[in-house]
PDB file of N, CA and C in Angstrom:
ATOM      1  N   MET A   1      31.121  19.894  16.195  1.00  0.00           N
ATOM      2  CA  MET A   1      30.891  18.488  16.105  1.00  0.00           C
ATOM      3  C   MET A   1      29.407  18.228  16.545  1.00  0.00           C
ATOM      4  N   SER A   2      29.007  18.708  17.665  1.00  0.00           N
ATOM      5  CA  SER A   2      27.561  18.435  18.093  1.00  0.00           C
ATOM      6  C   SER A   2      26.569  18.917  17.114  1.00  0.00           C
ATOM      7  N   THR A   3      26.878  20.042  16.463  1.00  0.00           N
ATOM      8  CA  THR A   3      25.907  20.568  15.435  1.00  0.00           C
ATOM      9  C   THR A   3      25.835  19.583  14.297  1.00  0.00           C
ATOM     10  N   PHE A   4      26.850  18.999  13.966  1.00  0.00           N
ATOM     11  CA  PHE A   4      26.751  18.047  12.810  1.00  0.00           C
ATOM     12  C   PHE A   4      25.936  16.789  13.258  1.00  0.00           C
ATOM     13  N   ALA A   5      26.265  16.295  14.533  1.00  0.00           N
ATOM     14  CA  ALA A   5      25.560  15.153  15.035  1.00  0.00           C
ATOM     15  C   ALA A   5      24.057  15.414  15.168  1.00  0.00           C
ATOM     16  N   GLU A   6      23.730  16.555  15.630  1.00  0.00           N
ATOM     17  CA  GLU A   6      22.303  16.976  15.898  1.00  0.00           C
ATOM     18  C   GLU A   6      21.581  17.037  14.450  1.00  0.00           C
ATOM     19  N   ARG A   7      22.208  17.655  13.511  1.00  0.00           N
ATOM     20  CA  ARG A   7      21.617  17.751  12.116  1.00  0.00           C
ATOM     21  C   ARG A   7      21.515  16.321  11.551  1.00  0.00           C
ATOM     22  N   PHE A   8      22.427  15.413  11.833  1.00  0.00           N
ATOM     23  CA  PHE A   8      22.382  14.025  11.274  1.00  0.00           C
ATOM     24  C   PHE A   8      21.220  13.332  11.957  1.00  0.00           C
ATOM     25  N   ARG A   9      21.005  13.549  13.231  1.00  0.00           N
ATOM     26  CA  ARG A   9      19.968  12.848  13.952  1.00  0.00           C
ATOM     27  C   ARG A   9      18.644  13.415  13.468  1.00  0.00           C
ATOM     28  N   GLN A  10      18.507  14.698  13.269  1.00  0.00           N
ATOM     29  CA  GLN A  10      17.300  15.406  12.820  1.00  0.00           C
ATOM     30  C   GLN A  10      16.909  14.836  11.375  1.00  0.00           C
ATOM     31  N   GLU A  11      17.884  14.774  10.515  1.00  0.00           N
ATOM     32  CA  GLU A  11      17.564  14.249   9.157  1.00  0.00           C
ATOM     33  C   GLU A  11      17.121  12.758   9.323  1.00  0.00           C
ATOM     34  N   GLY A  12      17.734  12.034  10.127  1.00  0.00           N
ATOM     35  CA  GLY A  12      17.325  10.539  10.293  1.00  0.00           C
ATOM     36  C   GLY A  12      15.854  10.463  10.895  1.00  0.00           C
ATOM     37  N   ARG A  13      15.523  11.371  11.790  1.00  0.00           N
ATOM     38  CA  ARG A  13      14.181  11.388  12.261  1.00  0.00           C
ATOM     39  C   ARG A  13      13.200  11.744  11.119  1.00  0.00           C
ATOM     40  N   GLN A  14      13.590  12.800  10.376  1.00  0.00           N
ATOM     41  CA  GLN A  14      12.625  13.196   9.378  1.00  0.00           C
ATOM     42  C   GLN A  14      12.433  12.087   8.276  1.00  0.00           C
ATOM     43  N   GLU A  15      13.540  11.488   7.902  1.00  0.00           N
ATOM     44  CA  GLU A  15      13.455  10.342   7.012  1.00  0.00           C
ATOM     45  C   GLU A  15      12.609   9.246   7.517  1.00  0.00           C
ATOM     46  N   GLY A  16      12.859   8.887   8.777  1.00  0.00           N
ATOM     47  CA  GLY A  16      11.962   7.769   9.316  1.00  0.00           C
ATOM     48  C   GLY A  16      10.513   8.202   9.458  1.00  0.00           C
ATOM     49  N   MET A  17      10.264   9.478   9.708  1.00  0.00           N
ATOM     50  CA  MET A  17       8.779   9.886   9.701  1.00  0.00           C
ATOM     51  C   MET A  17       8.183   9.752   8.320  1.00  0.00           C
ATOM     52  N   GLN A  18       8.949  10.130   7.350  1.00  0.00           N
ATOM     53  CA  GLN A  18       8.460  10.106   5.918  1.00  0.00           C
ATOM     54  C   GLN A  18       8.188   8.728   5.516  1.00  0.00           C
ATOM     55  N   GLN A  19       9.132   7.799   5.890  1.00  0.00           N
ATOM     56  CA  GLN A  19       8.937   6.416   5.561  1.00  0.00           C
ATOM     57  C   GLN A  19       7.664   5.806   6.225  1.00  0.00           C
ATOM     58  N   GLY A  20       7.518   6.151   7.507  1.00  0.00           N
ATOM     59  CA  GLY A  20       6.396   5.684   8.310  1.00  0.00           C
ATOM     60  C   GLY A  20       5.100   6.189   7.670  1.00  0.00           C
ATOM     61  N   MET A  21       5.026   7.458   7.323  1.00  0.00           N
ATOM     62  CA  MET A  21       3.855   8.005   6.738  1.00  0.00           C
ATOM     63  C   MET A  21       3.513   7.334   5.422  1.00  0.00           C
ATOM     64  N   GLN A  22       4.530   7.092   4.563  1.00  0.00           N
ATOM     65  CA  GLN A  22       4.346   6.403   3.321  1.00  0.00           C
ATOM     66  C   GLN A  22       3.831   4.965   3.570  1.00  0.00           C
ATOM     67  N   GLN A  23       4.407   4.233   4.465  1.00  0.00           N
ATOM     68  CA  GLN A  23       3.943   2.908   4.723  1.00  0.00           C
ATOM     69  C   GLN A  23       2.501   2.907   5.264  1.00  0.00           C
ATOM     70  N   GLY A  24       2.198   3.863   6.150  1.00  0.00           N
ATOM     71  CA  GLY A  24       0.773   4.044   6.621  1.00  0.00           C
ATOM     72  C   GLY A  24      -0.154   4.287   5.485  1.00  0.00           C
ATOM     73  N   MET A  25       0.207   5.117   4.525  1.00  0.00           N
ATOM     74  CA  MET A  25      -0.636   5.376   3.395  1.00  0.00           C
ATOM     75  C   MET A  25      -0.854   4.094   2.572  1.00  0.00           C
ATOM     76  N   GLN A  26       0.208   3.300   2.356  1.00  0.00           N
ATOM     77  CA  GLN A  26       0.160   2.087   1.554  1.00  0.00           C
ATOM     78  C   GLN A  26      -0.749   1.159   2.244  1.00  0.00           C
ATOM     79  N   ARG A  27      -0.666   1.032   3.547  1.00  0.00           N
ATOM     80  CA  ARG A  27      -1.575   0.109   4.292  1.00  0.00           C
ATOM     81  C   ARG A  27      -3.017   0.519   4.144  1.00  0.00           C
ATOM     82  N   GLY A  28      -3.279   1.877   4.232  1.00  0.00           N
ATOM     83  CA  GLY A  28      -4.626   2.429   4.010  1.00  0.00           C
ATOM     84  C   GLY A  28      -5.134   2.104   2.613  1.00  0.00           C
ATOM     85  N   GLU A  29      -4.248   2.281   1.621  1.00  0.00           N
ATOM     86  CA  GLU A  29      -4.632   2.038   0.275  1.00  0.00           C
ATOM     87  C   GLU A  29      -4.966   0.540   0.002  1.00  0.00           C
ATOM     88  N   ALA A  30      -4.087  -0.326   0.589  1.00  0.00           N
ATOM     89  CA  ALA A  30      -4.340  -1.750   0.547  1.00  0.00           C
ATOM     90  C   ALA A  30      -5.669  -2.122   1.220  1.00  0.00           C
ATOM     91  N   GLN A  31      -5.924  -1.534   2.347  1.00  0.00           N
ATOM     92  CA  GLN A  31      -7.134  -1.906   3.140  1.00  0.00           C
ATOM     93  C   GLN A  31      -8.389  -1.524   2.278  1.00  0.00           C
ATOM     94  N   ILE A  32      -8.375  -0.328   1.693  1.00  0.00           N
ATOM     95  CA  ILE A  32      -9.485   0.064   0.831  1.00  0.00           C
ATOM     96  C   ILE A  32      -9.673  -0.838  -0.378  1.00  0.00           C
ATOM     97  N   LEU A  33      -8.547  -1.167  -0.973  1.00  0.00           N
ATOM     98  CA  LEU A  33      -8.741  -2.031  -2.145  1.00  0.00           C
ATOM     99  C   LEU A  33      -9.177  -3.425  -1.720  1.00  0.00           C
ATOM    100  N   LEU A  34      -8.744  -3.978  -0.623  1.00  0.00           N
ATOM    101  CA  LEU A  34      -9.217  -5.220  -0.084  1.00  0.00           C
ATOM    102  C   LEU A  34     -10.748  -5.220   0.056  1.00  0.00           C
ATOM    103  N   ARG A  35     -11.202  -4.123   0.684  1.00  0.00           N
ATOM    104  CA  ARG A  35     -12.646  -3.940   1.004  1.00  0.00           C
ATOM    105  C   ARG A  35     -13.446  -3.907  -0.337  1.00  0.00           C
ATOM    106  N   LEU A  36     -12.992  -3.149  -1.330  1.00  0.00           N
ATOM    107  CA  LEU A  36     -13.678  -3.029  -2.563  1.00  0.00           C
ATOM    108  C   LEU A  36     -13.658  -4.416  -3.334  1.00  0.00           C
ATOM    109  N   LEU A  37     -12.531  -5.089  -3.325  1.00  0.00           N
ATOM    110  CA  LEU A  37     -12.484  -6.366  -4.014  1.00  0.00           C
ATOM    111  C   LEU A  37     -13.409  -7.356  -3.316  1.00  0.00           C
ATOM    112  N   SER A  38     -13.440  -7.315  -1.962  1.00  0.00           N
ATOM    113  CA  SER A  38     -14.295  -8.286  -1.221  1.00  0.00           C
ATOM    114  C   SER A  38     -15.764  -8.071  -1.494  1.00  0.00           C
ATOM    115  N   ARG A  39     -16.112  -6.741  -1.644  1.00  0.00           N
ATOM    116  CA  ARG A  39     -17.505  -6.378  -2.001  1.00  0.00           C
ATOM    117  C   ARG A  39     -17.921  -6.847  -3.430  1.00  0.00           C
ATOM    118  N   LYS A  40     -16.976  -6.720  -4.288  1.00  0.00           N
ATOM    119  CA  LYS A  40     -17.231  -7.050  -5.699  1.00  0.00           C
ATOM    120  C   LYS A  40     -17.177  -8.604  -5.989  1.00  0.00           C
ATOM    121  N   PHE A  41     -16.141  -9.167  -5.464  1.00  0.00           N
ATOM    122  CA  PHE A  41     -15.834 -10.594  -5.817  1.00  0.00           C
ATOM    123  C   PHE A  41     -16.027 -11.624  -4.678  1.00  0.00           C
ATOM    124  N   GLY A  42     -16.400 -11.168  -3.440  1.00  0.00           N
ATOM    125  CA  GLY A  42     -16.514 -12.090  -2.340  1.00  0.00           C
ATOM    126  C   GLY A  42     -15.155 -12.222  -1.628  1.00  0.00           C
ATOM    127  N   GLU A  43     -15.190 -13.179  -0.689  1.00  0.00           N
ATOM    128  CA  GLU A  43     -14.057 -13.414   0.169  1.00  0.00           C
ATOM    129  C   GLU A  43     -12.852 -13.709  -0.613  1.00  0.00           C
ATOM    130  N   LEU A  44     -11.694 -13.015  -0.303  1.00  0.00           N
ATOM    131  CA  LEU A  44     -10.456 -13.212  -0.956  1.00  0.00           C
ATOM    132  C   LEU A  44      -9.570 -14.359  -0.208  1.00  0.00           C
ATOM    133  N   SER A  45      -8.800 -14.990  -0.951  1.00  0.00           N
ATOM    134  CA  SER A  45      -7.914 -16.059  -0.342  1.00  0.00           C
ATOM    135  C   SER A  45      -6.794 -15.276   0.420  1.00  0.00           C
ATOM    136  N   GLU A  46      -6.186 -16.018   1.281  1.00  0.00           N
ATOM    137  CA  GLU A  46      -5.116 -15.464   2.116  1.00  0.00           C
ATOM    138  C   GLU A  46      -4.036 -15.101   1.290  1.00  0.00           C
ATOM    139  N   GLU A  47      -3.702 -15.877   0.245  1.00  0.00           N
ATOM    140  CA  GLU A  47      -2.608 -15.567  -0.719  1.00  0.00           C
ATOM    141  C   GLU A  47      -2.857 -14.268  -1.457  1.00  0.00           C
ATOM    142  N   LYS A  48      -4.105 -13.986  -1.924  1.00  0.00           N
ATOM    143  CA  LYS A  48      -4.471 -12.736  -2.560  1.00  0.00           C
ATOM    144  C   LYS A  48      -4.334 -11.547  -1.576  1.00  0.00           C
ATOM    145  N   ARG A  49      -4.756 -11.747  -0.322  1.00  0.00           N
ATOM    146  CA  ARG A  49      -4.722 -10.771   0.717  1.00  0.00           C
ATOM    147  C   ARG A  49      -3.268 -10.230   1.010  1.00  0.00           C
ATOM    148  N   ARG A  50      -2.429 -11.307   1.095  1.00  0.00           N
ATOM    149  CA  ARG A  50      -1.027 -11.097   1.349  1.00  0.00           C
ATOM    150  C   ARG A  50      -0.347 -10.316   0.193  1.00  0.00           C
ATOM    151  N   LEU A  51      -0.729 -10.790  -1.006  1.00  0.00           N
ATOM    152  CA  LEU A  51      -0.219 -10.029  -2.244  1.00  0.00           C
ATOM    153  C   LEU A  51      -0.616  -8.546  -2.184  1.00  0.00           C
ATOM    154  N   ILE A  52      -1.834  -8.260  -1.893  1.00  0.00           N
ATOM    155  CA  ILE A  52      -2.292  -6.849  -1.945  1.00  0.00           C
ATOM    156  C   ILE A  52      -1.626  -6.024  -0.757  1.00  0.00           C
ATOM    157  N   GLU A  53      -1.617  -6.697   0.380  1.00  0.00           N
ATOM    158  CA  GLU A  53      -1.024  -6.028   1.593  1.00  0.00           C
ATOM    159  C   GLU A  53       0.482  -5.718   1.441  1.00  0.00           C
ATOM    160  N   SER A  54       1.160  -6.469   0.641  1.00  0.00           N
ATOM    161  CA  SER A  54       2.614  -6.246   0.401  1.00  0.00           C
ATOM    162  C   SER A  54       3.004  -5.463  -0.817  1.00  0.00           C
ATOM    163  N   ALA A  55       1.926  -5.110  -1.601  1.00  0.00           N
ATOM    164  CA  ALA A  55       2.150  -4.376  -2.882  1.00  0.00           C
ATOM    165  C   ALA A  55       2.643  -2.971  -2.663  1.00  0.00           C
ATOM    166  N   ASP A  56       3.253  -2.382  -3.676  1.00  0.00           N
ATOM    167  CA  ASP A  56       3.723  -1.025  -3.631  1.00  0.00           C
ATOM    168  C   ASP A  56       2.536  -0.088  -4.069  1.00  0.00           C
ATOM    169  N   SER A  57       2.701   1.198  -3.872  1.00  0.00           N
ATOM    170  CA  SER A  57       1.634   2.131  -4.221  1.00  0.00           C
ATOM    171  C   SER A  57       1.184   2.112  -5.613  1.00  0.00           C
ATOM    172  N   GLU A  58       2.230   1.977  -6.520  1.00  0.00           N
ATOM    173  CA  GLU A  58       1.901   1.933  -7.935  1.00  0.00           C
ATOM    174  C   GLU A  58       1.057   0.740  -8.342  1.00  0.00           C
ATOM    175  N   SER A  59       1.296  -0.394  -7.806  1.00  0.00           N
ATOM    176  CA  SER A  59       0.485  -1.544  -8.093  1.00  0.00           C
ATOM    177  C   SER A  59      -0.903  -1.377  -7.540  1.00  0.00           C
ATOM    178  N   LEU A  60      -1.031  -0.838  -6.309  1.00  0.00           N
ATOM    179  CA  LEU A  60      -2.272  -0.692  -5.664  1.00  0.00           C
ATOM    180  C   LEU A  60      -3.214   0.239  -6.507  1.00  0.00           C
ATOM    181  N   LEU A  61      -2.519   1.343  -6.995  1.00  0.00           N
ATOM    182  CA  LEU A  61      -3.313   2.333  -7.856  1.00  0.00           C
ATOM    183  C   LEU A  61      -3.811   1.665  -9.147  1.00  0.00           C
ATOM    184  N   ARG A  62      -2.842   0.901  -9.738  1.00  0.00           N
ATOM    185  CA  ARG A  62      -3.169   0.252 -11.023  1.00  0.00           C
ATOM    186  C   ARG A  62      -4.407  -0.727 -10.843  1.00  0.00           C
ATOM    187  N   TRP A  63      -4.284  -1.571  -9.738  1.00  0.00           N
ATOM    188  CA  TRP A  63      -5.379  -2.518  -9.436  1.00  0.00           C
ATOM    189  C   TRP A  63      -6.665  -1.761  -9.037  1.00  0.00           C
ATOM    190  N   SER A  64      -6.543  -0.693  -8.399  1.00  0.00           N
ATOM    191  CA  SER A  64      -7.822   0.102  -8.033  1.00  0.00           C
ATOM    192  C   SER A  64      -8.480   0.571  -9.327  1.00  0.00           C
ATOM    193  N   GLU A  65      -7.728   0.957 -10.277  1.00  0.00           N
ATOM    194  CA  GLU A  65      -8.340   1.454 -11.501  1.00  0.00           C
ATOM    195  C   GLU A  65      -8.961   0.332 -12.317  1.00  0.00           C
ATOM    196  N   ARG A  66      -8.415  -0.864 -12.230  1.00  0.00           N
ATOM    197  CA  ARG A  66      -8.925  -2.026 -12.942  1.00  0.00           C
ATOM    198  C   ARG A  66     -10.328  -2.575 -12.395  1.00  0.00           C
ATOM    199  N   ILE A  67     -10.480  -2.276 -11.166  1.00  0.00           N
ATOM    200  CA  ILE A  67     -11.669  -2.857 -10.482  1.00  0.00           C
ATOM    201  C   ILE A  67     -13.029  -2.489 -11.144  1.00  0.00           C
ATOM    202  N   PHE A  68     -13.015  -1.344 -11.770  1.00  0.00           N
ATOM    203  CA  PHE A  68     -14.239  -0.848 -12.457  1.00  0.00           C
ATOM    204  C   PHE A  68     -14.653  -1.694 -13.635  1.00  0.00           C
ATOM    205  N   SER A  69     -13.691  -2.190 -14.385  1.00  0.00           N
ATOM    206  CA  SER A  69     -14.030  -2.871 -15.636  1.00  0.00           C
ATOM    207  C   SER A  69     -13.696  -4.470 -15.514  1.00  0.00           C
ATOM    208  N   ALA A  70     -13.126  -4.863 -14.469  1.00  0.00           N
ATOM    209  CA  ALA A  70     -12.766  -6.264 -14.372  1.00  0.00           C
ATOM    210  C   ALA A  70     -13.993  -7.167 -14.055  1.00  0.00           C
ATOM    211  N   ASN A  71     -13.967  -8.343 -14.547  1.00  0.00           N
ATOM    212  CA  ASN A  71     -15.021  -9.304 -14.294  1.00  0.00           C
ATOM    213  C   ASN A  71     -14.624 -10.336 -13.357  1.00  0.00           C
ATOM    214  N   SER A  72     -13.306 -10.386 -12.986  1.00  0.00           N
ATOM    215  CA  SER A  72     -12.842 -11.366 -11.991  1.00  0.00           C
ATOM    216  C   SER A  72     -11.637 -10.715 -11.175  1.00  0.00           C
ATOM    217  N   LEU A  73     -11.393 -11.317 -10.136  1.00  0.00           N
ATOM    218  CA  LEU A  73     -10.243 -10.803  -9.248  1.00  0.00           C
ATOM    219  C   LEU A  73      -8.961 -11.008 -10.095  1.00  0.00           C
ATOM    220  N   ASP A  74      -8.792 -12.054 -10.765  1.00  0.00           N
ATOM    221  CA  ASP A  74      -7.554 -12.240 -11.522  1.00  0.00           C
ATOM    222  C   ASP A  74      -7.364 -11.129 -12.657  1.00  0.00           C
ATOM    223  N   GLU A  75      -8.434 -10.650 -13.174  1.00  0.00           N
ATOM    224  CA  GLU A  75      -8.376  -9.521 -14.102  1.00  0.00           C
ATOM    225  C   GLU A  75      -7.826  -8.212 -13.437  1.00  0.00           C
ATOM    226  N   VAL A  76      -8.138  -8.074 -12.201  1.00  0.00           N
ATOM    227  CA  VAL A  76      -7.686  -6.902 -11.437  1.00  0.00           C
ATOM    228  C   VAL A  76      -6.212  -7.067 -11.178  1.00  0.00           C
ATOM    229  N   LEU A  77      -5.820  -8.156 -10.772  1.00  0.00           N
ATOM    230  CA  LEU A  77      -4.484  -8.371 -10.250  1.00  0.00           C
ATOM    231  C   LEU A  77      -3.463  -8.816 -11.289  1.00  0.00           C
ATOM    232  N   GLN A  78      -3.825  -8.806 -12.577  1.00  0.00           N
ATOM    233  CA  GLN A  78      -2.899  -9.304 -13.588  1.00  0.00           C
ATOM    234  C   GLN A  78      -1.699  -8.307 -13.826  1.00  0.00           C
TER     235      GLN A  78
END
């Protein structure tokens, strides 16, 4: 019984660590994108900042790729 409980706790810890690492990576990706967008388009509105900070990794990657060809912030975030 204690072996099962210990294994269950260990799996829970590992899952929590993985989720934490993924969230940390997403925050880092969002911060880089915010910085690049600010440099290219100027100060971002609070609404746009929140959108980027709450985005998933796939959206952040897609927006990061668009920054090179976009002429406006809206073109990046469409």
